[in-house]
N, C-alpha and C. Protein backbone atom coordinates (compact mmCIF):
# COMPACT_ATOMS: atom_id res chain seq x y z
N UNK A 1 -88.80 -195.98 -83.33
CA UNK A 1 -86.92 -195.15 -83.27
C UNK A 1 -86.66 -196.02 -84.35
N UNK A 2 -85.68 -195.67 -84.68
CA UNK A 2 -85.17 -197.31 -85.77
C UNK A 2 -83.48 -196.75 -85.23
N UNK A 3 -82.50 -197.49 -84.41
CA UNK A 3 -81.25 -197.42 -84.04
C UNK A 3 -80.73 -196.85 -84.87
N UNK A 4 -79.27 -196.30 -85.69
CA UNK A 4 -78.01 -196.14 -86.75
C UNK A 4 -79.62 -195.96 -87.49
N UNK A 5 -80.63 -195.07 -87.56
CA UNK A 5 -81.43 -195.43 -89.06
C UNK A 5 -81.74 -193.61 -88.78
N UNK A 6 -81.56 -192.37 -89.88
CA UNK A 6 -81.80 -191.12 -89.43
C UNK A 6 -83.53 -191.11 -90.73
N UNK A 7 -84.16 -190.08 -90.49
CA UNK A 7 -85.17 -190.60 -91.12
C UNK A 7 -85.20 -188.61 -91.42
N UNK A 8 -85.09 -188.31 -93.16
CA UNK A 8 -85.28 -186.71 -93.25
C UNK A 8 -86.51 -186.80 -94.10
N UNK A 9 -87.36 -185.99 -94.61
CA UNK A 9 -88.72 -185.35 -94.89
C UNK A 9 -88.24 -184.19 -95.52
N UNK A 10 -88.31 -184.87 -97.24
CA UNK A 10 -88.86 -183.81 -97.99
C UNK A 10 -89.38 -183.83 -98.84
N UNK A 11 -90.04 -182.12 -99.05
CA UNK A 11 -91.49 -181.80 -99.51
C UNK A 11 -91.49 -180.77 -100.01
N UNK A 12 -91.84 -180.05 -101.00
CA UNK A 12 -92.15 -178.98 -101.88
C UNK A 12 -93.12 -178.39 -100.82
N UNK A 13 -93.80 -178.56 -99.93
CA UNK A 13 -94.94 -177.33 -98.96
C UNK A 13 -94.38 -177.67 -98.00
N UNK A 14 -93.96 -176.52 -97.71
CA UNK A 14 -94.11 -176.26 -96.02
C UNK A 14 -94.40 -176.32 -95.02
N UNK A 15 -95.95 -176.25 -95.04
CA UNK A 15 -97.28 -176.44 -93.85
C UNK A 15 -96.83 -178.59 -93.81
N UNK A 16 -96.80 -178.89 -95.18
CA UNK A 16 -96.21 -179.64 -94.12
C UNK A 16 -95.61 -180.99 -93.99
N UNK A 17 -93.89 -179.69 -94.38
CA UNK A 17 -92.61 -180.09 -93.73
C UNK A 17 -93.25 -180.25 -91.70
N UNK A 18 -94.13 -179.23 -91.94
CA UNK A 18 -94.18 -178.51 -89.92
C UNK A 18 -94.58 -179.93 -89.65
N UNK A 19 -94.99 -180.74 -90.06
CA UNK A 19 -96.39 -182.18 -89.14
C UNK A 19 -95.54 -183.27 -89.27
N UNK A 20 -94.81 -183.87 -89.95
CA UNK A 20 -93.50 -184.73 -89.67
C UNK A 20 -93.30 -184.66 -89.07
N UNK A 21 -92.77 -185.89 -88.79
CA UNK A 21 -91.92 -186.19 -87.33
C UNK A 21 -90.56 -186.46 -87.27
N UNK A 22 -90.22 -186.74 -88.91
CA UNK A 22 -88.46 -186.34 -88.92
C UNK A 22 -87.94 -185.41 -88.00
N UNK A 23 -86.71 -185.92 -87.68
CA UNK A 23 -85.61 -184.58 -87.55
C UNK A 23 -85.28 -183.83 -88.48
N UNK A 24 -85.24 -184.71 -89.22
CA UNK A 24 -84.49 -183.81 -90.55
C UNK A 24 -85.11 -183.47 -91.46
N UNK A 25 -85.17 -182.12 -91.93
CA UNK A 25 -86.75 -181.97 -93.09
C UNK A 25 -86.22 -180.77 -94.12
N UNK A 26 -86.42 -181.48 -95.30
CA UNK A 26 -85.95 -180.12 -96.88
C UNK A 26 -87.30 -179.64 -97.30
N UNK A 27 -86.43 -178.70 -97.54
CA UNK A 27 -87.86 -177.92 -98.45
C UNK A 27 -87.30 -177.60 -99.13
N UNK A 28 -87.90 -178.53 -100.58
CA UNK A 28 -87.18 -178.37 -101.93
C UNK A 28 -88.17 -177.70 -102.64
N UNK A 29 -87.35 -176.55 -103.82
CA UNK A 29 -88.05 -175.52 -104.10
C UNK A 29 -88.04 -174.57 -103.78
N UNK A 30 -87.78 -173.94 -102.78
CA UNK A 30 -87.91 -173.14 -102.26
C UNK A 30 -88.63 -171.81 -102.97
N UNK A 31 -87.63 -171.20 -104.08
CA UNK A 31 -88.23 -170.07 -104.55
C UNK A 31 -88.73 -170.21 -106.07
N UNK A 32 -88.64 -171.81 -106.60
CA UNK A 32 -90.15 -172.03 -106.82
C UNK A 32 -90.96 -172.42 -106.81
N UNK A 33 -91.10 -173.01 -105.84
CA UNK A 33 -93.29 -172.96 -105.18
C UNK A 33 -93.03 -171.71 -103.50
N UNK A 34 -92.28 -171.47 -103.11
CA UNK A 34 -92.21 -170.34 -102.36
C UNK A 34 -93.15 -171.60 -100.91
N UNK A 35 -92.79 -172.60 -100.73
CA UNK A 35 -93.43 -173.64 -100.07
C UNK A 35 -94.74 -173.70 -99.85
N UNK A 36 -95.57 -173.62 -101.09
CA UNK A 36 -96.70 -173.30 -101.14
C UNK A 36 -97.38 -174.97 -102.27
N UNK A 37 -96.07 -175.89 -102.46
CA UNK A 37 -96.30 -177.23 -102.70
C UNK A 37 -96.21 -177.21 -105.08
N UNK A 38 -97.11 -177.93 -104.82
CA UNK A 38 -95.76 -178.05 -107.03
C UNK A 38 -97.62 -178.14 -107.30
N UNK A 39 -98.85 -178.12 -106.66
CA UNK A 39 -99.74 -178.09 -107.53
C UNK A 39 -100.26 -179.34 -108.01
N UNK A 40 -100.37 -180.43 -108.05
CA UNK A 40 -100.30 -181.69 -108.12
C UNK A 40 -99.89 -181.78 -109.94
N UNK A 41 -98.62 -180.90 -110.17
CA UNK A 41 -97.88 -180.80 -111.60
C UNK A 41 -96.53 -181.52 -110.91
N UNK A 42 -96.50 -182.35 -111.86
CA UNK A 42 -94.37 -183.82 -111.26
C UNK A 42 -93.53 -182.78 -112.27
N UNK A 43 -93.78 -181.56 -112.90
CA UNK A 43 -93.45 -180.78 -114.04
C UNK A 43 -92.25 -180.30 -112.80
N UNK A 44 -93.58 -179.42 -111.60
CA UNK A 44 -92.97 -178.27 -111.17
C UNK A 44 -92.84 -179.41 -110.27
N UNK A 45 -92.79 -180.76 -109.58
CA UNK A 45 -91.62 -181.35 -108.31
C UNK A 45 -90.14 -181.48 -109.32
N UNK A 46 -90.29 -181.38 -110.47
CA UNK A 46 -89.15 -181.93 -111.38
C UNK A 46 -88.05 -181.09 -111.24
N UNK A 47 -88.56 -180.05 -111.24
CA UNK A 47 -87.98 -178.92 -111.88
C UNK A 47 -87.00 -178.31 -110.17
N UNK A 48 -89.07 -178.78 -109.40
CA UNK A 48 -88.14 -178.10 -107.79
C UNK A 48 -86.63 -179.13 -106.96
N UNK A 49 -86.96 -180.14 -107.09
CA UNK A 49 -85.81 -181.37 -107.10
C UNK A 49 -84.20 -180.48 -107.61
N UNK A 50 -84.24 -180.85 -109.37
CA UNK A 50 -83.40 -179.88 -109.09
C UNK A 50 -82.83 -179.08 -108.74
N UNK A 51 -83.26 -177.61 -108.34
CA UNK A 51 -83.09 -176.80 -107.80
C UNK A 51 -82.98 -177.04 -106.29
N UNK A 52 -83.17 -177.75 -105.88
CA UNK A 52 -82.78 -178.43 -104.53
C UNK A 52 -81.15 -179.37 -104.17
N UNK A 53 -80.91 -179.97 -105.89
CA UNK A 53 -80.15 -181.09 -106.50
C UNK A 53 -78.77 -180.86 -104.89
N UNK A 54 -78.57 -179.46 -104.90
CA UNK A 54 -77.11 -179.69 -104.12
C UNK A 54 -77.03 -180.41 -102.40
N UNK A 55 -78.29 -179.41 -101.96
CA UNK A 55 -79.22 -179.70 -100.48
C UNK A 55 -79.45 -181.39 -100.58
N UNK A 56 -79.69 -181.95 -101.75
CA UNK A 56 -80.51 -183.08 -101.24
C UNK A 56 -79.04 -183.65 -101.18
N UNK A 57 -77.72 -183.78 -102.17
CA UNK A 57 -76.96 -184.43 -102.49
C UNK A 57 -75.76 -184.01 -100.87
N UNK A 58 -76.21 -182.84 -100.18
CA UNK A 58 -75.51 -182.98 -98.87
C UNK A 58 -76.18 -184.01 -98.07
N UNK A 59 -77.05 -184.00 -97.74
CA UNK A 59 -77.90 -184.40 -96.31
C UNK A 59 -78.00 -186.20 -96.92
N UNK A 60 -77.79 -186.79 -97.78
CA UNK A 60 -77.12 -188.34 -98.09
C UNK A 60 -76.17 -188.36 -98.25
N UNK A 61 -75.05 -187.91 -98.22
CA UNK A 61 -73.64 -187.56 -98.25
C UNK A 61 -72.95 -188.80 -97.00
N UNK A 62 -72.58 -189.86 -97.40
CA UNK A 62 -71.62 -190.53 -96.34
C UNK A 62 -72.81 -191.03 -95.90
N UNK A 63 -74.49 -191.23 -96.89
CA UNK A 63 -75.11 -192.65 -96.40
C UNK A 63 -74.91 -193.93 -97.17
N UNK A 64 -75.44 -195.31 -95.99
CA UNK A 64 -74.55 -196.42 -96.57
C UNK A 64 -75.57 -197.00 -97.73
N UNK A 65 -76.76 -196.51 -96.99
CA UNK A 65 -77.77 -197.36 -97.94
C UNK A 65 -79.37 -196.57 -97.86
N UNK A 66 -79.70 -196.36 -98.79
CA UNK A 66 -81.17 -194.75 -99.07
C UNK A 66 -82.42 -195.86 -99.45
N UNK A 67 -83.32 -195.52 -98.12
CA UNK A 67 -84.41 -196.38 -98.86
C UNK A 67 -85.51 -194.68 -99.21
N UNK A 68 -86.62 -195.15 -100.72
CA UNK A 68 -86.47 -193.60 -100.57
C UNK A 68 -88.67 -193.87 -100.60
N UNK A 69 -88.76 -193.08 -100.30
CA UNK A 69 -90.82 -193.24 -100.23
C UNK A 69 -91.29 -192.20 -100.61
N UNK A 70 -92.55 -192.09 -101.68
CA UNK A 70 -92.67 -190.93 -102.63
C UNK A 70 -94.38 -191.80 -102.72
N UNK A 71 -95.49 -190.24 -102.18
CA UNK A 71 -96.37 -190.46 -102.28
C UNK A 71 -96.16 -190.17 -103.99
N UNK A 72 -97.71 -190.79 -104.52
CA UNK A 72 -97.81 -190.97 -105.69
C UNK A 72 -99.22 -190.15 -105.74
N UNK A 73 -99.15 -189.65 -106.92
CA UNK A 73 -100.36 -188.53 -107.67
C UNK A 73 -101.24 -187.00 -107.06
N UNK A 74 -98.83 -186.67 -106.70
CA UNK A 74 -99.75 -184.76 -105.77
C UNK A 74 -98.15 -184.55 -107.44
N UNK A 75 -97.17 -183.58 -106.97
CA UNK A 75 -96.02 -183.67 -108.04
C UNK A 75 -94.74 -183.03 -106.98
N UNK A 76 -95.23 -183.87 -106.17
CA UNK A 76 -93.39 -184.29 -105.68
C UNK A 76 -92.61 -185.07 -105.47
N UNK A 77 -93.59 -186.90 -105.42
CA UNK A 77 -93.53 -187.38 -105.01
C UNK A 77 -93.09 -187.96 -106.49
N UNK A 78 -94.01 -187.52 -107.37
CA UNK A 78 -94.81 -188.41 -107.81
C UNK A 78 -94.13 -188.00 -109.60
């Protein structure tokens, strides 16, 4: 745990989000993927982020600095 640092986990796979230790969890593309992930399709990941852009903006509002770590090879981070 780091003082003054907030962690947000974001994923299209609702099951994977439950495994995260982050206090804030953001499910991307709820309507598009229905929580089942992208099927390793980056286009679905991109569309999921577009669907969730207002939620993403709301969660990042007021941040002084953002570090983004994304897994490559699936569809969401890729």
